[in-house]
Amino acid sequence: MTDYIGAKDYRHDQEGCTGVLLVNLGTTEAPTTAAVRRYLAEFLWDPRVIEMPRALWWLILHGVILRLRPRKVAHAYQSIWTPEGSPLLAISQRLAAALQTRLSERLSSRVEVALAMRYGQPSIDTALQTLRERGLRRLVVLPMYPQYSATTTASVFDEVARVLSTWRWVPELRFVQHYHDHPAYIEALAASVREHWQRNARGDKLLMSFHGIPRRYILAGDPYFCECQKTGRLLAAALGLSEDQWQLSFQSRVGREEWLQPYTDKVLAAWGKQQLARVDVVCPGFSVDCLETLEEIAMQDRSLFESRGGGDYTYIAALNDSEAHVALLCDLLAEQMRGWDEAPLSADREQRQEIQRRAQAMGASH
């Protein structure tokens, strides 16, 4: 009999699962020029990240940027590298493991968590294949970007869709688009700031620094700027801050094009010239500490502020793998899975074995 039943995506005796794909931006595999060049080549070639005619951008990327920038970025990575490797990857791995434990305790159905990086390793393709081997039938994708942007969240969607387009049996799919104003997210941020103040005293000003994007992306319809502003307002309200006690800014700009303003380094330079005695900086858009927070904010911008005459400068760590962060993500995922947990994905073991016997009698290989 022709084996119509039992294709690669399906086993009659396999227990199904709901998969959680946790996706962060990515990191180089080593703090070397060669590794950084490979990472930047993938990251900067994404048309969601750089919106420019491909032929022109290829010439700029390979003719200029990948010749000059990798050495500088590798040096920056070397300043934050740990025995575990890249902080972004190591912390994200711990976060994914903690989330796996929490979800397994909270939900009655079987859930499998897989970590992926949009650029670099582990890739989205690799993580999805891991979930597929574990019996993936339902999938929730959680990009680790609280504020939506086409440069980040939409790029994750693109890659997930590309990978799934090659599968015969596509899982049910739900996608967390953003959570910039979720009450649990705002409270987790506020709690982390309060805890920092209790340990280190409180600064004269609180700067909320978000990653920047070109201004023209916003003019084209990207909601990122508005979502950052809302996060800032809600966090300031939760902390009871008056308008003169906090400010929002944007960091990590590249090139000569105008990006979202005000720029973080310009704000800190001005505060230094005002000789503020103490400032605190938090980066609400970064779910896990990385090069942009640990090197740019905690090192470069500290030096800038102090060199302009400023006093004490403290960086407030990202939520990372804290209990509050795990609880927040668990809440987000439970909301997305509503209805799924009550609907079994597969029969019990004895029933699956009987199904397999019947299928094999009809010609299935497994």
Protein backbone atom coordinates (compact mmCIF):
# COMPACT_ATOMS: atom_id res chain seq x y z
CA MET A 1 0.00 0.00 0.00
CA THR A 2 1.25 3.51 -0.78
CA ASP A 3 2.44 5.30 2.37
CA TYR A 4 0.17 8.35 2.23
CA ILE A 5 0.09 8.61 6.02
CA GLY A 6 3.01 9.33 8.30
CA ALA A 7 4.91 12.21 6.74
CA LYS A 8 7.87 13.90 8.43
CA ASP A 9 5.73 16.44 10.28
CA TYR A 10 3.49 13.88 11.91
CA ARG A 11 3.74 10.72 14.00
CA HIS A 12 0.58 8.94 15.10
CA ASP A 13 2.13 8.01 18.44
CA GLN A 14 3.58 11.47 19.23
CA GLU A 15 2.28 13.63 22.04
CA GLY A 16 1.52 17.14 20.84
CA CYS A 17 2.71 20.28 22.60
CA THR A 18 2.22 24.02 22.64
CA GLY A 19 5.48 25.73 21.77
CA VAL A 20 6.70 29.09 23.01
CA LEU A 21 9.29 30.74 20.79
CA LEU A 22 11.13 33.38 22.80
CA VAL A 23 13.01 35.66 20.39
CA ASN A 24 15.62 38.31 21.12
CA LEU A 25 17.66 40.37 18.68
CA GLY A 26 20.91 38.44 18.67
CA THR A 27 24.57 38.61 19.49
CA THR A 28 27.93 37.73 18.03
CA GLU A 29 29.23 34.24 18.87
CA ALA A 30 32.62 35.59 19.94
CA PRO A 31 34.14 39.02 20.66
CA THR A 32 36.29 38.89 17.55
CA THR A 33 36.35 40.97 14.40
CA ALA A 34 35.53 37.98 12.17
CA ALA A 35 32.56 36.87 14.30
CA VAL A 36 31.21 40.41 14.54
CA ARG A 37 31.52 40.84 10.78
CA ARG A 38 29.40 37.71 10.19
CA TYR A 39 26.80 38.91 12.67
CA LEU A 40 26.60 42.45 11.26
CA ALA A 41 26.38 41.11 7.70
CA GLU A 42 23.22 39.20 8.62
CA PHE A 43 21.72 41.90 10.84
CA LEU A 44 22.32 44.88 8.58
CA TRP A 45 21.21 43.09 5.40
CA ASP A 46 17.66 42.71 6.76
CA PRO A 47 15.48 45.12 4.71
CA ARG A 48 13.36 45.70 7.83
CA VAL A 49 16.40 47.16 9.56
CA ILE A 50 17.81 49.21 6.68
CA GLU A 51 15.17 50.53 4.30
CA MET A 52 17.27 51.40 1.27
CA PRO A 53 17.49 50.14 -2.33
CA ARG A 54 19.29 46.81 -2.10
CA ALA A 55 21.96 47.41 -4.73
CA LEU A 56 23.03 50.72 -3.20
CA TRP A 57 22.93 49.33 0.32
CA TRP A 58 24.99 46.26 -0.69
CA LEU A 59 27.76 48.56 -1.92
CA ILE A 60 27.72 50.62 1.28
CA LEU A 61 27.51 47.59 3.56
CA HIS A 62 30.25 45.52 1.95
CA GLY A 63 32.34 48.39 0.65
CA VAL A 64 32.47 50.48 3.81
CA ILE A 65 30.63 49.29 6.94
CA LEU A 66 31.81 45.67 7.09
CA ARG A 67 35.37 46.84 6.45
CA LEU A 68 35.46 49.42 9.25
CA ARG A 69 32.85 48.74 11.91
CA PRO A 70 33.50 45.11 13.03
CA ARG A 71 36.81 45.90 14.74
CA LYS A 72 35.26 48.68 16.81
CA VAL A 73 32.22 46.60 17.76
CA ALA A 74 34.43 43.62 18.66
CA HIS A 75 36.40 45.83 21.04
CA ALA A 76 33.12 46.92 22.67
CA TYR A 77 32.03 43.29 23.06
CA GLN A 78 35.35 42.43 24.68
CA SER A 79 34.62 44.95 27.43
CA ILE A 80 31.40 43.15 28.49
CA TRP A 81 32.17 39.50 27.60
CA THR A 82 31.77 37.05 30.49
CA PRO A 83 32.96 33.49 31.23
CA GLU A 84 29.47 32.40 30.07
CA GLY A 85 29.93 34.28 26.80
CA SER A 86 27.66 37.06 25.57
CA PRO A 87 25.53 38.52 28.41
CA LEU A 88 22.50 38.75 26.11
CA LEU A 89 22.62 35.05 25.28
CA ALA A 90 23.50 33.82 28.77
CA ILE A 91 20.76 35.85 30.47
CA SER A 92 18.21 34.94 27.79
CA GLN A 93 18.98 31.25 28.30
CA ARG A 94 18.37 31.55 32.04
CA LEU A 95 15.17 33.46 31.38
CA ALA A 96 13.90 30.80 28.97
CA ALA A 97 14.67 28.02 31.48
CA ALA A 98 12.85 29.85 34.28
CA LEU A 99 9.89 30.50 31.98
CA GLN A 100 9.74 26.81 31.06
CA THR A 101 9.49 25.89 34.74
CA ARG A 102 6.87 28.52 35.52
CA LEU A 103 4.63 27.67 32.56
CA SER A 104 4.84 23.94 33.26
CA GLU A 105 3.64 24.61 36.81
CA ARG A 106 0.88 26.98 35.76
CA LEU A 107 -0.65 25.26 32.72
CA SER A 108 -2.22 21.85 32.53
CA SER A 109 -1.26 21.18 28.92
CA ARG A 110 2.29 20.39 27.78
CA VAL A 111 4.34 23.48 26.94
CA GLU A 112 7.84 23.62 25.47
CA VAL A 113 9.91 26.83 25.47
CA ALA A 114 12.64 27.43 22.90
CA LEU A 115 14.97 30.42 22.73
CA ALA A 116 15.95 31.98 19.41
CA MET A 117 17.88 34.98 18.17
CA ARG A 118 16.66 36.89 15.15
CA TYR A 119 20.27 37.18 13.99
CA GLY A 120 23.01 34.75 14.92
CA GLN A 121 22.55 31.60 16.99
CA PRO A 122 20.39 29.87 18.07
CA SER A 123 18.45 30.84 14.95
CA ILE A 124 14.68 30.93 14.62
CA ASP A 125 14.92 28.05 12.16
CA THR A 126 16.88 25.92 14.64
CA ALA A 127 14.55 26.71 17.55
CA LEU A 128 11.44 25.92 15.51
CA GLN A 129 12.94 22.63 14.37
CA THR A 130 13.57 21.74 18.02
CA LEU A 131 9.92 22.44 18.86
CA ARG A 132 8.82 20.48 15.79
CA GLU A 133 10.72 17.42 17.00
CA ARG A 134 8.93 17.73 20.36
CA GLY A 135 5.50 17.54 18.74
CA LEU A 136 4.69 21.20 18.02
CA ARG A 137 1.02 21.72 17.20
CA ARG A 138 0.38 25.21 18.59
CA LEU A 139 2.88 28.04 18.62
CA VAL A 140 3.09 31.35 20.49
CA VAL A 141 5.83 33.69 19.29
CA LEU A 142 7.04 36.20 21.87
CA PRO A 143 9.47 38.80 20.48
CA MET A 144 11.36 40.33 23.39
CA TYR A 145 10.57 43.88 22.27
CA PRO A 146 7.96 45.59 24.48
CA GLN A 147 7.48 48.38 21.92
CA TYR A 148 6.53 47.36 18.39
CA SER A 149 8.66 48.40 15.44
CA ALA A 150 8.88 47.06 11.92
CA THR A 151 12.67 46.94 12.47
CA THR A 152 12.32 44.39 15.27
CA THR A 153 8.92 42.75 15.85
CA ALA A 154 7.91 42.60 12.18
CA SER A 155 11.29 41.16 11.28
CA VAL A 156 10.69 38.29 13.71
CA PHE A 157 7.32 37.65 12.06
CA ASP A 158 8.97 37.62 8.62
CA GLU A 159 11.48 34.97 9.64
CA VAL A 160 8.95 32.78 11.46
CA ALA A 161 6.70 32.91 8.38
CA ARG A 162 9.63 32.08 6.09
CA VAL A 163 10.54 28.99 8.10
CA LEU A 164 6.96 27.77 8.48
CA SER A 165 6.38 28.21 4.73
CA THR A 166 8.66 25.20 4.22
CA TRP A 167 6.67 22.94 6.56
CA ARG A 168 3.93 20.58 5.40
CA TRP A 169 1.93 20.83 8.64
CA VAL A 170 1.92 24.40 9.98
CA PRO A 171 1.04 24.80 13.67
CA GLU A 172 -1.71 27.06 14.96
CA LEU A 173 -0.05 30.42 15.43
CA ARG A 174 -0.41 33.29 17.87
CA PHE A 175 1.95 36.26 18.00
CA VAL A 176 2.62 38.77 20.79
CA GLN A 177 2.80 42.05 18.89
CA HIS A 178 3.77 44.32 21.79
CA TYR A 179 3.30 44.86 25.52
CA HIS A 180 4.48 48.43 25.98
CA ASP A 181 1.53 49.40 28.20
CA HIS A 182 0.74 46.08 29.87
CA PRO A 183 0.14 46.71 33.60
CA ALA A 184 2.45 43.87 34.65
CA TYR A 185 5.25 45.25 32.45
CA ILE A 186 4.93 48.77 33.84
CA GLU A 187 4.82 47.49 37.42
CA ALA A 188 7.86 45.26 36.86
CA LEU A 189 9.80 48.26 35.54
CA ALA A 190 8.64 50.47 38.40
CA ALA A 191 9.56 47.84 40.98
CA SER A 192 13.07 47.50 39.51
CA VAL A 193 13.59 51.27 39.70
CA ARG A 194 12.29 51.42 43.29
CA GLU A 195 14.57 48.56 44.32
CA HIS A 196 17.52 50.33 42.72
CA TRP A 197 16.69 53.53 44.60
CA GLN A 198 16.45 51.64 47.89
CA ARG A 199 19.91 50.17 47.36
CA ASN A 200 21.64 53.21 45.86
CA ALA A 201 19.62 56.29 46.85
CA ARG A 202 17.70 58.32 44.30
CA GLY A 203 19.11 60.54 41.59
CA ASP A 204 18.10 64.08 40.72
CA LYS A 205 16.86 62.91 37.33
CA LEU A 206 15.71 59.65 35.78
CA LEU A 207 16.51 59.18 32.10
CA MET A 208 14.52 56.57 30.17
CA SER A 209 16.61 55.66 27.16
CA PHE A 210 15.13 53.66 24.27
CA HIS A 211 16.87 52.35 21.17
CA GLY A 212 16.52 54.81 18.33
CA ILE A 213 15.40 54.31 14.74
CA PRO A 214 15.51 56.71 11.76
CA ARG A 215 12.89 59.45 11.98
CA ARG A 216 11.65 58.68 8.46
CA TYR A 217 10.47 55.24 9.65
CA ILE A 218 8.09 56.96 12.05
CA LEU A 219 6.89 59.32 9.34
CA ALA A 220 6.17 56.23 7.20
CA GLY A 221 3.81 54.88 9.86
CA ASP A 222 5.87 52.93 12.39
CA PRO A 223 4.20 53.24 15.85
CA TYR A 224 7.44 52.80 17.80
CA PHE A 225 7.87 56.42 18.90
CA CYS A 226 4.34 56.63 20.30
CA GLU A 227 4.67 53.34 22.16
CA CYS A 228 7.95 54.45 23.75
CA GLN A 229 6.30 57.69 24.85
CA LYS A 230 3.40 55.81 26.42
CA THR A 231 5.73 53.47 28.29
CA GLY A 232 7.60 56.50 29.61
CA ARG A 233 4.47 58.28 30.77
CA LEU A 234 3.08 55.20 32.49
CA LEU A 235 6.38 54.41 34.21
CA ALA A 236 6.77 58.00 35.43
CA ALA A 237 3.21 57.91 36.79
CA ALA A 238 3.83 54.59 38.54
CA LEU A 239 6.92 56.09 40.18
CA GLY A 240 5.11 59.31 41.11
CA LEU A 241 7.56 61.48 39.16
CA SER A 242 6.84 65.07 38.20
CA GLU A 243 7.66 66.29 34.68
CA ASP A 244 10.95 67.86 35.77
CA GLN A 245 12.18 64.64 37.40
CA TRP A 246 12.41 62.47 34.29
CA GLN A 247 13.07 62.58 30.56
CA LEU A 248 12.81 60.18 27.65
CA SER A 249 15.56 59.86 25.03
CA PHE A 250 16.83 57.64 22.19
CA GLN A 251 20.23 55.99 21.88
CA SER A 252 22.42 53.99 19.48
CA ARG A 253 22.01 56.09 16.35
CA VAL A 254 24.28 55.34 13.40
CA GLY A 255 25.20 57.45 10.38
CA ARG A 256 24.28 61.02 9.45
CA GLU A 257 20.55 60.56 8.97
CA GLU A 258 18.22 62.10 11.54
CA TRP A 259 17.01 59.60 14.12
CA LEU A 260 14.43 59.91 16.88
CA GLN A 261 15.21 62.70 19.30
CA PRO A 262 16.27 63.76 21.86
CA TYR A 263 19.50 61.79 21.65
CA THR A 264 20.60 60.10 24.87
CA ASP A 265 24.23 61.23 24.66
CA LYS A 266 23.21 64.84 24.02
CA VAL A 267 20.87 64.83 27.01
CA LEU A 268 23.55 63.40 29.32
CA ALA A 269 26.17 65.86 28.06
CA ALA A 270 23.77 68.73 28.83
CA TRP A 271 23.01 67.33 32.28
CA GLY A 272 26.74 67.04 32.93
CA LYS A 273 27.25 70.70 32.04
CA GLN A 274 24.45 71.54 34.47
CA GLN A 275 26.56 69.70 37.08
CA LEU A 276 23.72 67.49 38.25
CA ALA A 277 24.81 65.68 41.39
CA ARG A 278 23.30 62.33 40.45
CA VAL A 279 21.37 60.78 37.57
CA ASP A 280 19.86 57.33 37.03
CA VAL A 281 19.39 55.76 33.60
CA VAL A 282 16.98 52.95 32.76
CA CYS A 283 16.39 51.33 29.35
CA PRO A 284 12.77 50.09 29.33
CA GLY A 285 12.89 48.86 25.73
CA PHE A 286 15.64 46.32 26.43
CA SER A 287 14.25 43.18 28.04
CA VAL A 288 17.73 41.77 28.65
CA ASP A 289 21.04 43.56 29.13
CA CYS A 290 23.25 43.62 26.05
CA LEU A 291 25.97 45.59 24.31
CA GLU A 292 23.79 48.71 24.01
CA THR A 293 23.06 48.83 27.75
CA LEU A 294 26.21 47.40 29.34
CA GLU A 295 28.78 49.12 27.13
CA GLU A 296 27.06 52.13 25.55
CA ILE A 297 24.88 53.25 28.47
CA ALA A 298 26.75 51.94 31.52
CA MET A 299 30.26 52.77 30.23
CA GLN A 300 30.36 55.26 27.36
CA ASP A 301 27.55 57.51 28.54
CA ARG A 302 28.75 57.41 32.14
CA SER A 303 32.14 58.69 30.98
CA LEU A 304 30.44 61.38 28.87
CA PHE A 305 28.29 62.62 31.75
CA GLU A 306 31.18 62.71 34.21
CA SER A 307 33.56 64.36 31.74
CA ARG A 308 31.08 67.23 31.28
CA GLY A 309 30.97 67.95 34.99
CA GLY A 310 28.26 65.59 36.22
CA GLY A 311 28.35 63.75 39.54
CA ASP A 312 27.22 60.20 40.27
CA TYR A 313 25.79 58.14 37.43
CA THR A 314 23.99 54.82 37.83
CA TYR A 315 22.55 52.43 35.28
CA ILE A 316 19.46 50.47 36.34
CA ALA A 317 19.71 46.93 35.00
CA ALA A 318 17.17 45.47 32.59
CA LEU A 319 14.54 43.07 33.92
CA ASN A 320 16.74 40.18 32.74
CA ASP A 321 15.88 36.84 34.37
CA SER A 322 14.34 38.36 37.48
CA GLU A 323 11.30 36.81 39.12
CA ALA A 324 9.22 39.82 38.11
CA HIS A 325 10.21 39.41 34.46
CA VAL A 326 9.43 35.70 34.45
CA ALA A 327 6.01 36.40 36.02
CA LEU A 328 5.30 39.14 33.47
CA LEU A 329 6.13 36.94 30.48
CA CYS A 330 4.15 34.07 31.97
CA ASP A 331 1.11 36.36 32.23
CA LEU A 332 1.53 37.51 28.62
CA LEU A 333 1.77 33.95 27.35
CA ALA A 334 -1.15 32.70 29.45
CA GLU A 335 -3.29 35.46 27.94
CA GLN A 336 -2.24 34.44 24.43
CA MET A 337 -2.95 30.76 25.14
CA ARG A 338 -6.42 31.42 26.49
CA GLY A 339 -8.69 28.61 25.28
CA TRP A 340 -5.78 26.38 24.27
CA ASP A 341 -5.06 25.09 27.76
CA GLU A 342 -8.58 23.68 28.05
CA ALA A 343 -8.44 21.91 24.67
CA PRO A 344 -6.25 18.77 24.71
CA LEU A 345 -3.77 18.49 21.86
CA SER A 346 -3.58 14.72 21.80
CA ALA A 347 -5.02 11.58 23.30
CA ASP A 348 -3.42 9.77 26.21
CA ARG A 349 -0.63 7.24 25.65
CA GLU A 350 -2.82 4.14 25.24
CA GLN A 351 -5.11 5.95 22.81
CA ARG A 352 -2.11 7.17 20.77
CA GLN A 353 -0.77 3.65 20.56
CA GLU A 354 -4.14 2.39 19.31
CA ILE A 355 -4.25 5.20 16.73
CA GLN A 356 -0.78 4.20 15.58
CA ARG A 357 -1.79 0.54 15.21
CA ARG A 358 -4.78 1.50 13.06
CA ALA A 359 -2.66 3.83 10.93
CA GLN A 360 0.00 1.17 10.36
CA ALA A 361 -2.71 -1.28 9.33
CA MET A 362 -3.61 1.22 6.60
CA GLY A 363 -0.01 1.51 5.45
CA ALA A 364 1.56 4.22 7.59
CA SER A 365 5.26 3.83 8.38
CA HIS A 366 4.88 5.26 11.92
